[in-house]
């Protein structure tokens, strides 16, 4: 099967992944494990509702 989508000019997947990872790390650095689990659970619910 062919993929007819074109690449987004200037998009660098590795850079995007690293920036996102670093952003998440900073956001959860001071949270407890229970808070992180709560956020993860609510995020999974939002994704499944799409």
PDB file of N, CA and C in Angstrom:
ATOM      1  N   UNK A   1       0.846  -1.171   0.000  1.00  0.00           N
ATOM      2  CA  UNK A   1       0.000   0.000   0.000  1.00  0.00           C
ATOM      3  C   UNK A   1       0.895   1.238   0.000  1.00  0.00           C
ATOM      4  N   UNK A   2       0.577   2.191  -0.842  1.00  0.00           N
ATOM      5  CA  UNK A   2       1.347   3.422  -0.931  1.00  0.00           C
ATOM      6  C   UNK A   2       0.812   4.460   0.052  1.00  0.00           C
ATOM      7  N   UNK A   3       1.731   5.258   0.564  1.00  0.00           N
ATOM      8  CA  UNK A   3       1.358   6.362   1.432  1.00  0.00           C
ATOM      9  C   UNK A   3       1.435   7.641   0.608  1.00  0.00           C
ATOM     10  N   UNK A   4       0.312   8.276   0.371  1.00  0.00           N
ATOM     11  CA  UNK A   4       0.270   9.468  -0.468  1.00  0.00           C
ATOM     12  C   UNK A   4       0.469  10.770   0.307  1.00  0.00           C
ATOM     13  N   UNK A   5       0.717  10.669   1.615  1.00  0.00           N
ATOM     14  CA  UNK A   5       0.927  11.873   2.406  1.00  0.00           C
ATOM     15  C   UNK A   5       2.314  12.440   2.140  1.00  0.00           C
ATOM     16  N   UNK A   6       2.413  13.748   2.198  1.00  0.00           N
ATOM     17  CA  UNK A   6       3.706  14.386   2.014  1.00  0.00           C
ATOM     18  C   UNK A   6       4.282  14.750   3.366  1.00  0.00           C
ATOM     19  N   UNK A   7       5.590  14.850   3.424  1.00  0.00           N
ATOM     20  CA  UNK A   7       6.269  15.202   4.670  1.00  0.00           C
ATOM     21  C   UNK A   7       6.055  16.681   4.977  1.00  0.00           C
ATOM     22  N   UNK A   8       6.052  16.994   6.245  1.00  0.00           N
ATOM     23  CA  UNK A   8       5.945  18.389   6.671  1.00  0.00           C
ATOM     24  C   UNK A   8       7.336  18.996   6.578  1.00  0.00           C
ATOM     25  N   UNK A   9       7.446  20.014   5.760  1.00  0.00           N
ATOM     26  CA  UNK A   9       8.744  20.626   5.524  1.00  0.00           C
ATOM     27  C   UNK A   9       9.298  21.220   6.820  1.00  0.00           C
ATOM     28  N   UNK A  10      10.539  20.897   7.135  1.00  0.00           N
ATOM     29  CA  UNK A  10      11.199  21.425   8.318  1.00  0.00           C
ATOM     30  C   UNK A  10      10.924  20.650   9.594  1.00  0.00           C
ATOM     31  N   UNK A  11      10.071  19.637   9.543  1.00  0.00           N
ATOM     32  CA  UNK A  11       9.748  18.855  10.740  1.00  0.00           C
ATOM     33  C   UNK A  11      10.839  17.836  10.995  1.00  0.00           C
ATOM     34  N   UNK A  12      11.361  17.857  12.195  1.00  0.00           N
ATOM     35  CA  UNK A  12      12.397  16.910  12.604  1.00  0.00           C
ATOM     36  C   UNK A  12      11.840  16.062  13.743  1.00  0.00           C
ATOM     37  N   UNK A  13      11.558  14.813  13.469  1.00  0.00           N
ATOM     38  CA  UNK A  13      10.909  13.933  14.440  1.00  0.00           C
ATOM     39  C   UNK A  13      11.742  13.765  15.710  1.00  0.00           C
ATOM     40  N   UNK A  14      13.035  13.583  15.570  1.00  0.00           N
ATOM     41  CA  UNK A  14      13.887  13.371  16.741  1.00  0.00           C
ATOM     42  C   UNK A  14      13.901  14.611  17.628  1.00  0.00           C
ATOM     43  N   UNK A  15      14.025  15.786  17.010  1.00  0.00           N
ATOM     44  CA  UNK A  15      14.017  17.029  17.785  1.00  0.00           C
ATOM     45  C   UNK A  15      12.684  17.210  18.502  1.00  0.00           C
ATOM     46  N   UNK A  16      11.585  16.910  17.802  1.00  0.00           N
ATOM     47  CA  UNK A  16      10.256  17.016  18.400  1.00  0.00           C
ATOM     48  C   UNK A  16      10.129  16.079  19.594  1.00  0.00           C
ATOM     49  N   UNK A  17      10.591  14.832  19.441  1.00  0.00           N
ATOM     50  CA  UNK A  17      10.512  13.858  20.524  1.00  0.00           C
ATOM     51  C   UNK A  17      11.314  14.314  21.741  1.00  0.00           C
ATOM     52  N   UNK A  18      12.506  14.820  21.510  1.00  0.00           N
ATOM     53  CA  UNK A  18      13.361  15.265  22.616  1.00  0.00           C
ATOM     54  C   UNK A  18      12.767  16.477  23.333  1.00  0.00           C
ATOM     55  N   UNK A  19      12.244  17.429  22.570  1.00  0.00           N
ATOM     56  CA  UNK A  19      11.624  18.605  23.183  1.00  0.00           C
ATOM     57  C   UNK A  19      10.416  18.204  24.030  1.00  0.00           C
ATOM     58  N   UNK A  20       9.600  17.300  23.500  1.00  0.00           N
ATOM     59  CA  UNK A  20       8.417  16.842  24.219  1.00  0.00           C
ATOM     60  C   UNK A  20       8.810  16.094  25.479  1.00  0.00           C
ATOM     61  N   UNK A  21       9.788  15.211  25.379  1.00  0.00           N
ATOM     62  CA  UNK A  21      10.268  14.458  26.536  1.00  0.00           C
ATOM     63  C   UNK A  21      10.786  15.389  27.626  1.00  0.00           C
ATOM     64  N   UNK A  22      11.583  16.381  27.230  1.00  0.00           N
ATOM     65  CA  UNK A  22      12.134  17.323  28.201  1.00  0.00           C
ATOM     66  C   UNK A  22      11.037  18.153  28.869  1.00  0.00           C
ATOM     67  N   UNK A  23      10.037  18.558  28.090  1.00  0.00           N
ATOM     68  CA  UNK A  23       8.922  19.329  28.633  1.00  0.00           C
ATOM     69  C   UNK A  23       8.152  18.510  29.672  1.00  0.00           C
ATOM     70  N   UNK A  24       7.864  17.264  29.351  1.00  0.00           N
ATOM     71  CA  UNK A  24       7.138  16.394  30.282  1.00  0.00           C
ATOM     72  C   UNK A  24       7.966  16.161  31.535  1.00  0.00           C
ATOM     73  N   UNK A  25       9.261  15.942  31.379  1.00  0.00           N
ATOM     74  CA  UNK A  25      10.140  15.717  32.527  1.00  0.00           C
ATOM     75  C   UNK A  25      10.107  16.899  33.484  1.00  0.00           C
ATOM     76  N   UNK A  26      10.141  18.115  32.944  1.00  0.00           N
ATOM     77  CA  UNK A  26      10.093  19.312  33.788  1.00  0.00           C
ATOM     78  C   UNK A  26       8.756  19.436  34.499  1.00  0.00           C
ATOM     79  N   UNK A  27       7.668  19.098  33.795  1.00  0.00           N
ATOM     80  CA  UNK A  27       6.335  19.218  34.380  1.00  0.00           C
ATOM     81  C   UNK A  27       6.113  18.246  35.530  1.00  0.00           C
ATOM     82  N   UNK A  28       6.661  17.045  35.436  1.00  0.00           N
ATOM     83  CA  UNK A  28       6.392  16.037  36.464  1.00  0.00           C
ATOM     84  C   UNK A  28       7.508  15.908  37.498  1.00  0.00           C
ATOM     85  N   UNK A  29       8.545  16.721  37.396  1.00  0.00           N
ATOM     86  CA  UNK A  29       9.706  16.607  38.283  1.00  0.00           C
ATOM     87  C   UNK A  29       9.345  16.723  39.759  1.00  0.00           C
ATOM     88  N   UNK A  30       8.406  17.577  40.093  1.00  0.00           N
ATOM     89  CA  UNK A  30       8.076  17.799  41.504  1.00  0.00           C
ATOM     90  C   UNK A  30       6.809  17.063  41.944  1.00  0.00           C
ATOM     91  N   UNK A  31       6.227  16.281  41.064  1.00  0.00           N
ATOM     92  CA  UNK A  31       4.989  15.569  41.395  1.00  0.00           C
ATOM     93  C   UNK A  31       5.283  14.250  42.100  1.00  0.00           C
ATOM     94  N   UNK A  32       4.329  13.837  42.907  1.00  0.00           N
ATOM     95  CA  UNK A  32       4.424  12.522  43.535  1.00  0.00           C
ATOM     96  C   UNK A  32       3.997  11.459  42.526  1.00  0.00           C
ATOM     97  N   UNK A  33       4.294  10.215  42.841  1.00  0.00           N
ATOM     98  CA  UNK A  33       3.921   9.117  41.952  1.00  0.00           C
ATOM     99  C   UNK A  33       2.407   9.057  41.773  1.00  0.00           C
ATOM    100  N   UNK A  34       1.665   9.307  42.833  1.00  0.00           N
ATOM    101  CA  UNK A  34       0.201   9.269  42.758  1.00  0.00           C
ATOM    102  C   UNK A  34      -0.335  10.357  41.822  1.00  0.00           C
ATOM    103  N   UNK A  35       0.261  11.550  41.865  1.00  0.00           N
ATOM    104  CA  UNK A  35      -0.163  12.623  40.973  1.00  0.00           C
ATOM    105  C   UNK A  35       0.120  12.265  39.509  1.00  0.00           C
ATOM    106  N   UNK A  36       1.266  11.671  39.269  1.00  0.00           N
ATOM    107  CA  UNK A  36       1.631  11.262  37.909  1.00  0.00           C
ATOM    108  C   UNK A  36       0.667  10.206  37.395  1.00  0.00           C
ATOM    109  N   UNK A  37       0.331   9.237  38.249  1.00  0.00           N
ATOM    110  CA  UNK A  37      -0.631   8.202  37.848  1.00  0.00           C
ATOM    111  C   UNK A  37      -1.988   8.805  37.514  1.00  0.00           C
ATOM    112  N   UNK A  38      -2.413   9.791  38.301  1.00  0.00           N
ATOM    113  CA  UNK A  38      -3.712  10.435  38.075  1.00  0.00           C
ATOM    114  C   UNK A  38      -3.723  11.151  36.721  1.00  0.00           C
ATOM    115  N   UNK A  39      -2.671  11.878  36.411  1.00  0.00           N
ATOM    116  CA  UNK A  39      -2.570  12.580  35.127  1.00  0.00           C
ATOM    117  C   UNK A  39      -2.549  11.577  33.983  1.00  0.00           C
ATOM    118  N   UNK A  40      -1.780  10.516  34.139  1.00  0.00           N
ATOM    119  CA  UNK A  40      -1.683   9.498  33.087  1.00  0.00           C
ATOM    120  C   UNK A  40      -3.050   8.857  32.829  1.00  0.00           C
ATOM    121  N   UNK A  41      -3.761   8.557  33.887  1.00  0.00           N
ATOM    122  CA  UNK A  41      -5.081   7.935  33.736  1.00  0.00           C
ATOM    123  C   UNK A  41      -6.046   8.872  33.020  1.00  0.00           C
ATOM    124  N   UNK A  42      -6.062  10.155  33.395  1.00  0.00           N
ATOM    125  CA  UNK A  42      -6.982  11.096  32.746  1.00  0.00           C
ATOM    126  C   UNK A  42      -6.596  11.308  31.282  1.00  0.00           C
ATOM    127  N   UNK A  43      -5.304  11.263  30.979  1.00  0.00           N
ATOM    128  CA  UNK A  43      -4.846  11.421  29.592  1.00  0.00           C
ATOM    129  C   UNK A  43      -5.302  10.235  28.742  1.00  0.00           C
ATOM    130  N   UNK A  44      -5.222   9.038  29.302  1.00  0.00           N
ATOM    131  CA  UNK A  44      -5.666   7.855  28.561  1.00  0.00           C
ATOM    132  C   UNK A  44      -7.152   7.916  28.265  1.00  0.00           C
ATOM    133  N   UNK A  45      -7.916   8.432  29.198  1.00  0.00           N
ATOM    134  CA  UNK A  45      -9.367   8.557  28.986  1.00  0.00           C
ATOM    135  C   UNK A  45      -9.638   9.536  27.851  1.00  0.00           C
ATOM    136  N   UNK A  46      -8.944  10.688  27.828  1.00  0.00           N
ATOM    137  CA  UNK A  46      -9.151  11.681  26.772  1.00  0.00           C
ATOM    138  C   UNK A  46      -8.796  11.103  25.408  1.00  0.00           C
ATOM    139  N   UNK A  47      -7.700  10.348  25.342  1.00  0.00           N
ATOM    140  CA  UNK A  47      -7.276   9.767  24.070  1.00  0.00           C
ATOM    141  C   UNK A  47      -8.299   8.753  23.576  1.00  0.00           C
ATOM    142  N   UNK A  48      -8.840   7.951  24.465  1.00  0.00           N
ATOM    143  CA  UNK A  48      -9.783   6.924  24.054  1.00  0.00           C
ATOM    144  C   UNK A  48     -11.138   7.511  23.653  1.00  0.00           C
ATOM    145  N   UNK A  49     -11.444   8.724  24.091  1.00  0.00           N
ATOM    146  CA  UNK A  49     -12.731   9.348  23.742  1.00  0.00           C
ATOM    147  C   UNK A  49     -12.719   9.995  22.370  1.00  0.00           C
ATOM    148  N   UNK A  50     -11.586  10.141  21.765  1.00  0.00           N
ATOM    149  CA  UNK A  50     -11.501  10.797  20.457  1.00  0.00           C
ATOM    150  C   UNK A  50     -12.186  10.038  19.394  1.00  0.00           C
TER     151      UNK A  50
END
